[in-house]
Amino acid sequence: MGKTGLFDLEKHFAFYGAYHSNPINIAIHMIFVWPIFFTALLLLYFTPSIFNVEFSLFGSHVFLAFNVGFLLTLIYSVFYFFLDHKAGSLAALLCFICWVGSSFLASRLGFSLSWKVVLVAQIVCWTGQFLGHGAFEVLKTVGLNYLCVDLVLMHLKFD
């Protein structure tokens, strides 16, 4: 028996696929989606944390902050896992890799440089996303509904 409602992967992909059929637009999404998530986590690293974990990685000290960035990573990971155990496990792993990597980078850059990196990356990546739809897709975006679905499913589009 298939899943229904929020965890109906086929329904989500049917909706998502209707607005992402052009190969160039799909390539744009594949290139720009993970940097959007990564840089969001980079900025969220600086939110207040419940506690921190410190360890050494490649001879450098890394602080993992259990904060809003971790919570976002956890929510995405659990949601993806329940959508589909195989693909969701991979997406969850990639989300946690982004969280660890962004924590490592944020601890090196500091807030004063991190927010500039995030700003540039977000502007470039979101501009690419919207230009990809405007220039290459037959069906244009459907506004806020599209954005909400894209924010949830963007990490699972691997083809």
C-alpha atoms as a PDB file:
ATOM      1  CA  MET A   1       0.000   0.000   0.000  1.00  0.00           C
ATOM      2  CA  GLY A   2       1.393   3.392  -0.988  1.00  0.00           C
ATOM      3  CA  LYS A   3       1.875   6.302   1.312  1.00  0.00           C
ATOM      4  CA  THR A   4      -0.627   9.135   1.266  1.00  0.00           C
ATOM      5  CA  GLY A   5      -0.618  12.819   2.006  1.00  0.00           C
ATOM      6  CA  LEU A   6       2.596  14.470   3.092  1.00  0.00           C
ATOM      7  CA  PHE A   7       4.695  11.314   2.637  1.00  0.00           C
ATOM      8  CA  ASP A   8       3.398  10.397  -0.843  1.00  0.00           C
ATOM      9  CA  LEU A   9       6.647  10.539  -2.815  1.00  0.00           C
ATOM     10  CA  GLU A  10       5.007   9.755  -6.157  1.00  0.00           C
ATOM     11  CA  LYS A  11       2.549  12.639  -5.772  1.00  0.00           C
ATOM     12  CA  HIS A  12       5.354  15.051  -4.843  1.00  0.00           C
ATOM     13  CA  PHE A  13       7.532  13.956  -7.765  1.00  0.00           C
ATOM     14  CA  ALA A  14       4.613  14.191 -10.200  1.00  0.00           C
ATOM     15  CA  PHE A  15       4.015  17.786  -9.143  1.00  0.00           C
ATOM     16  CA  TYR A  16       7.741  18.587  -9.083  1.00  0.00           C
ATOM     17  CA  GLY A  17       8.366  16.852 -12.421  1.00  0.00           C
ATOM     18  CA  ALA A  18       5.655  18.863 -14.142  1.00  0.00           C
ATOM     19  CA  TYR A  19       7.744  22.013 -13.606  1.00  0.00           C
ATOM     20  CA  HIS A  20      11.196  20.477 -14.079  1.00  0.00           C
ATOM     21  CA  SER A  21      11.269  18.706 -17.426  1.00  0.00           C
ATOM     22  CA  ASN A  22      13.898  20.631 -19.361  1.00  0.00           C
ATOM     23  CA  PRO A  23      17.386  19.031 -19.130  1.00  0.00           C
ATOM     24  CA  ILE A  24      19.123  22.408 -18.795  1.00  0.00           C
ATOM     25  CA  ASN A  25      16.829  23.452 -15.956  1.00  0.00           C
ATOM     26  CA  ILE A  26      17.339  20.081 -14.258  1.00  0.00           C
ATOM     27  CA  ALA A  27      21.119  20.553 -14.551  1.00  0.00           C
ATOM     28  CA  ILE A  28      20.806  24.055 -13.090  1.00  0.00           C
ATOM     29  CA  HIS A  29      18.876  22.612 -10.153  1.00  0.00           C
ATOM     30  CA  MET A  30      21.411  19.837  -9.629  1.00  0.00           C
ATOM     31  CA  ILE A  31      24.221  22.397  -9.506  1.00  0.00           C
ATOM     32  CA  PHE A  32      22.558  25.088  -7.388  1.00  0.00           C
ATOM     33  CA  VAL A  33      20.291  23.269  -4.921  1.00  0.00           C
ATOM     34  CA  TRP A  34      22.882  21.835  -2.552  1.00  0.00           C
ATOM     35  CA  PRO A  35      24.826  25.120  -2.276  1.00  0.00           C
ATOM     36  CA  ILE A  36      21.561  26.834  -1.255  1.00  0.00           C
ATOM     37  CA  PHE A  37      21.114  24.321   1.561  1.00  0.00           C
ATOM     38  CA  PHE A  38      24.805  24.363   2.517  1.00  0.00           C
ATOM     39  CA  THR A  39      25.013  28.162   2.726  1.00  0.00           C
ATOM     40  CA  ALA A  40      21.748  28.368   4.678  1.00  0.00           C
ATOM     41  CA  LEU A  41      23.334  26.019   7.224  1.00  0.00           C
ATOM     42  CA  LEU A  42      26.504  28.119   7.107  1.00  0.00           C
ATOM     43  CA  LEU A  43      24.570  31.170   8.292  1.00  0.00           C
ATOM     44  CA  LEU A  44      22.451  29.186  10.767  1.00  0.00           C
ATOM     45  CA  TYR A  45      25.673  28.001  12.435  1.00  0.00           C
ATOM     46  CA  PHE A  46      25.748  31.370  14.204  1.00  0.00           C
ATOM     47  CA  THR A  47      22.339  30.976  15.866  1.00  0.00           C
ATOM     48  CA  PRO A  48      22.344  30.219  19.607  1.00  0.00           C
ATOM     49  CA  SER A  49      23.021  26.575  20.375  1.00  0.00           C
ATOM     50  CA  ILE A  50      21.787  24.208  23.043  1.00  0.00           C
ATOM     51  CA  PHE A  51      25.260  22.664  23.302  1.00  0.00           C
ATOM     52  CA  ASN A  52      28.400  22.231  21.214  1.00  0.00           C
ATOM     53  CA  VAL A  53      30.569  19.254  20.416  1.00  0.00           C
ATOM     54  CA  GLU A  54      34.249  19.821  19.728  1.00  0.00           C
ATOM     55  CA  PHE A  55      36.539  17.397  17.903  1.00  0.00           C
ATOM     56  CA  SER A  56      39.617  17.415  15.717  1.00  0.00           C
ATOM     57  CA  LEU A  57      39.299  17.024  11.927  1.00  0.00           C
ATOM     58  CA  PHE A  58      42.374  17.122   9.693  1.00  0.00           C
ATOM     59  CA  GLY A  59      44.353  18.712  12.514  1.00  0.00           C
ATOM     60  CA  SER A  60      41.806  21.489  13.090  1.00  0.00           C
ATOM     61  CA  HIS A  61      39.287  21.870  15.868  1.00  0.00           C
ATOM     62  CA  VAL A  62      35.676  21.685  14.709  1.00  0.00           C
ATOM     63  CA  PHE A  63      32.712  22.847  16.756  1.00  0.00           C
ATOM     64  CA  LEU A  64      29.376  21.280  15.889  1.00  0.00           C
ATOM     65  CA  ALA A  65      26.649  23.548  17.178  1.00  0.00           C
ATOM     66  CA  PHE A  66      23.351  21.871  18.015  1.00  0.00           C
ATOM     67  CA  ASN A  67      21.200  24.834  17.026  1.00  0.00           C
ATOM     68  CA  VAL A  68      18.653  25.900  14.385  1.00  0.00           C
ATOM     69  CA  GLY A  69      20.920  24.590  11.592  1.00  0.00           C
ATOM     70  CA  PHE A  70      21.046  21.176  13.216  1.00  0.00           C
ATOM     71  CA  LEU A  71      17.277  21.229  13.762  1.00  0.00           C
ATOM     72  CA  LEU A  72      16.681  22.076  10.077  1.00  0.00           C
ATOM     73  CA  THR A  73      19.035  19.271   9.050  1.00  0.00           C
ATOM     74  CA  LEU A  74      17.257  16.839  11.342  1.00  0.00           C
ATOM     75  CA  ILE A  75      13.795  17.826  10.060  1.00  0.00           C
ATOM     76  CA  TYR A  76      14.831  17.459   6.404  1.00  0.00           C
ATOM     77  CA  SER A  77      16.576  14.144   7.139  1.00  0.00           C
ATOM     78  CA  VAL A  78      13.651  12.584   8.984  1.00  0.00           C
ATOM     79  CA  PHE A  79      11.176  13.790   6.347  1.00  0.00           C
ATOM     80  CA  TYR A  80      13.284  12.375   3.509  1.00  0.00           C
ATOM     81  CA  PHE A  81      13.697   9.067   5.325  1.00  0.00           C
ATOM     82  CA  PHE A  82       9.932   8.680   5.711  1.00  0.00           C
ATOM     83  CA  LEU A  83       9.344   9.687   2.081  1.00  0.00           C
ATOM     84  CA  ASP A  84      11.532   6.839   0.846  1.00  0.00           C
ATOM     85  CA  HIS A  85      13.866   4.761   2.977  1.00  0.00           C
ATOM     86  CA  LYS A  86      16.564   4.233   0.312  1.00  0.00           C
ATOM     87  CA  ALA A  87      16.703   7.605  -1.440  1.00  0.00           C
ATOM     88  CA  GLY A  88      15.765   9.350   1.802  1.00  0.00           C
ATOM     89  CA  SER A  89      18.689   7.753   3.632  1.00  0.00           C
ATOM     90  CA  LEU A  90      21.069   9.074   0.997  1.00  0.00           C
ATOM     91  CA  ALA A  91      19.491  12.539   1.124  1.00  0.00           C
ATOM     92  CA  ALA A  92      19.646  12.475   4.945  1.00  0.00           C
ATOM     93  CA  LEU A  93      23.316  11.530   4.827  1.00  0.00           C
ATOM     94  CA  LEU A  94      24.012  14.380   2.386  1.00  0.00           C
ATOM     95  CA  CYS A  95      22.113  16.794   4.642  1.00  0.00           C
ATOM     96  CA  PHE A  96      24.258  15.797   7.630  1.00  0.00           C
ATOM     97  CA  ILE A  97      27.428  16.069   5.526  1.00  0.00           C
ATOM     98  CA  CYS A  98      26.342  19.610   4.623  1.00  0.00           C
ATOM     99  CA  TRP A  99      25.731  20.385   8.305  1.00  0.00           C
ATOM    100  CA  VAL A 100      29.173  19.129   9.349  1.00  0.00           C
ATOM    101  CA  GLY A 101      30.890  20.814   6.386  1.00  0.00           C
ATOM    102  CA  SER A 102      29.121  24.129   6.943  1.00  0.00           C
ATOM    103  CA  SER A 103      29.975  23.987  10.651  1.00  0.00           C
ATOM    104  CA  PHE A 104      33.631  23.407   9.788  1.00  0.00           C
ATOM    105  CA  LEU A 105      33.654  26.280   7.281  1.00  0.00           C
ATOM    106  CA  ALA A 106      31.720  28.653   9.550  1.00  0.00           C
ATOM    107  CA  SER A 107      34.102  28.047  12.438  1.00  0.00           C
ATOM    108  CA  ARG A 108      36.994  28.959  10.110  1.00  0.00           C
ATOM    109  CA  LEU A 109      35.431  31.998   8.405  1.00  0.00           C
ATOM    110  CA  GLY A 110      33.663  33.618  11.333  1.00  0.00           C
ATOM    111  CA  PHE A 111      30.410  35.523  11.016  1.00  0.00           C
ATOM    112  CA  SER A 112      31.877  38.651   9.398  1.00  0.00           C
ATOM    113  CA  LEU A 113      32.980  36.701   6.302  1.00  0.00           C
ATOM    114  CA  SER A 114      30.371  33.921   6.367  1.00  0.00           C
ATOM    115  CA  TRP A 115      27.367  36.179   5.835  1.00  0.00           C
ATOM    116  CA  LYS A 116      29.049  37.665   2.734  1.00  0.00           C
ATOM    117  CA  VAL A 117      29.716  34.197   1.297  1.00  0.00           C
ATOM    118  CA  VAL A 118      26.122  33.206   2.042  1.00  0.00           C
ATOM    119  CA  LEU A 119      24.709  36.364   0.465  1.00  0.00           C
ATOM    120  CA  VAL A 120      26.628  35.934  -2.781  1.00  0.00           C
ATOM    121  CA  ALA A 121      25.928  32.202  -3.006  1.00  0.00           C
ATOM    122  CA  GLN A 122      22.210  32.597  -2.287  1.00  0.00           C
ATOM    123  CA  ILE A 123      21.822  35.393  -4.847  1.00  0.00           C
ATOM    124  CA  VAL A 124      23.701  33.463  -7.540  1.00  0.00           C
ATOM    125  CA  CYS A 125      21.960  30.147  -6.855  1.00  0.00           C
ATOM    126  CA  TRP A 126      18.405  31.501  -6.565  1.00  0.00           C
ATOM    127  CA  THR A 127      18.914  33.670  -9.651  1.00  0.00           C
ATOM    128  CA  GLY A 128      20.048  30.569 -11.524  1.00  0.00           C
ATOM    129  CA  GLN A 129      16.995  28.653 -10.309  1.00  0.00           C
ATOM    130  CA  PHE A 130      14.522  31.317 -11.424  1.00  0.00           C
ATOM    131  CA  LEU A 131      16.296  32.006 -14.720  1.00  0.00           C
ATOM    132  CA  GLY A 132      16.310  28.267 -15.416  1.00  0.00           C
ATOM    133  CA  HIS A 133      12.562  28.206 -15.069  1.00  0.00           C
ATOM    134  CA  GLY A 134      11.966  31.412 -16.955  1.00  0.00           C
ATOM    135  CA  ALA A 135      14.218  30.567 -19.892  1.00  0.00           C
ATOM    136  CA  PHE A 136      13.983  26.801 -20.273  1.00  0.00           C
ATOM    137  CA  GLU A 137      10.729  25.440 -18.853  1.00  0.00           C
ATOM    138  CA  VAL A 138       7.524  25.285 -20.862  1.00  0.00           C
ATOM    139  CA  LEU A 139       5.438  25.334 -17.689  1.00  0.00           C
ATOM    140  CA  LYS A 140       6.426  28.282 -15.572  1.00  0.00           C
ATOM    141  CA  THR A 141       6.544  28.190 -11.786  1.00  0.00           C
ATOM    142  CA  VAL A 142       3.303  28.264  -9.841  1.00  0.00           C
ATOM    143  CA  GLY A 143       4.343  30.778  -7.230  1.00  0.00           C
ATOM    144  CA  LEU A 144       4.468  30.001  -3.533  1.00  0.00           C
ATOM    145  CA  ASN A 145       3.217  26.416  -3.967  1.00  0.00           C
ATOM    146  CA  TYR A 146       6.164  25.693  -6.265  1.00  0.00           C
ATOM    147  CA  LEU A 147       8.634  27.336  -3.892  1.00  0.00           C
ATOM    148  CA  CYS A 148       7.411  25.304  -0.914  1.00  0.00           C
ATOM    149  CA  VAL A 149       7.566  22.017  -2.826  1.00  0.00           C
ATOM    150  CA  ASP A 150      10.953  22.953  -4.287  1.00  0.00           C
ATOM    151  CA  LEU A 151      12.386  23.704  -0.845  1.00  0.00           C
ATOM    152  CA  VAL A 152      11.324  20.274   0.360  1.00  0.00           C
ATOM    153  CA  LEU A 153      12.051  18.059  -2.657  1.00  0.00           C
ATOM    154  CA  MET A 154      14.977  19.878  -4.240  1.00  0.00           C
ATOM    155  CA  HIS A 155      17.521  17.602  -2.594  1.00  0.00           C
ATOM    156  CA  LEU A 156      15.953  14.388  -3.889  1.00  0.00           C
ATOM    157  CA  LYS A 157      16.113  15.252  -7.608  1.00  0.00           C
ATOM    158  CA  PHE A 158      19.106  13.204  -8.748  1.00  0.00           C
ATOM    159  CA  ASP A 159      18.346  12.494 -12.417  1.00  0.00           C
END
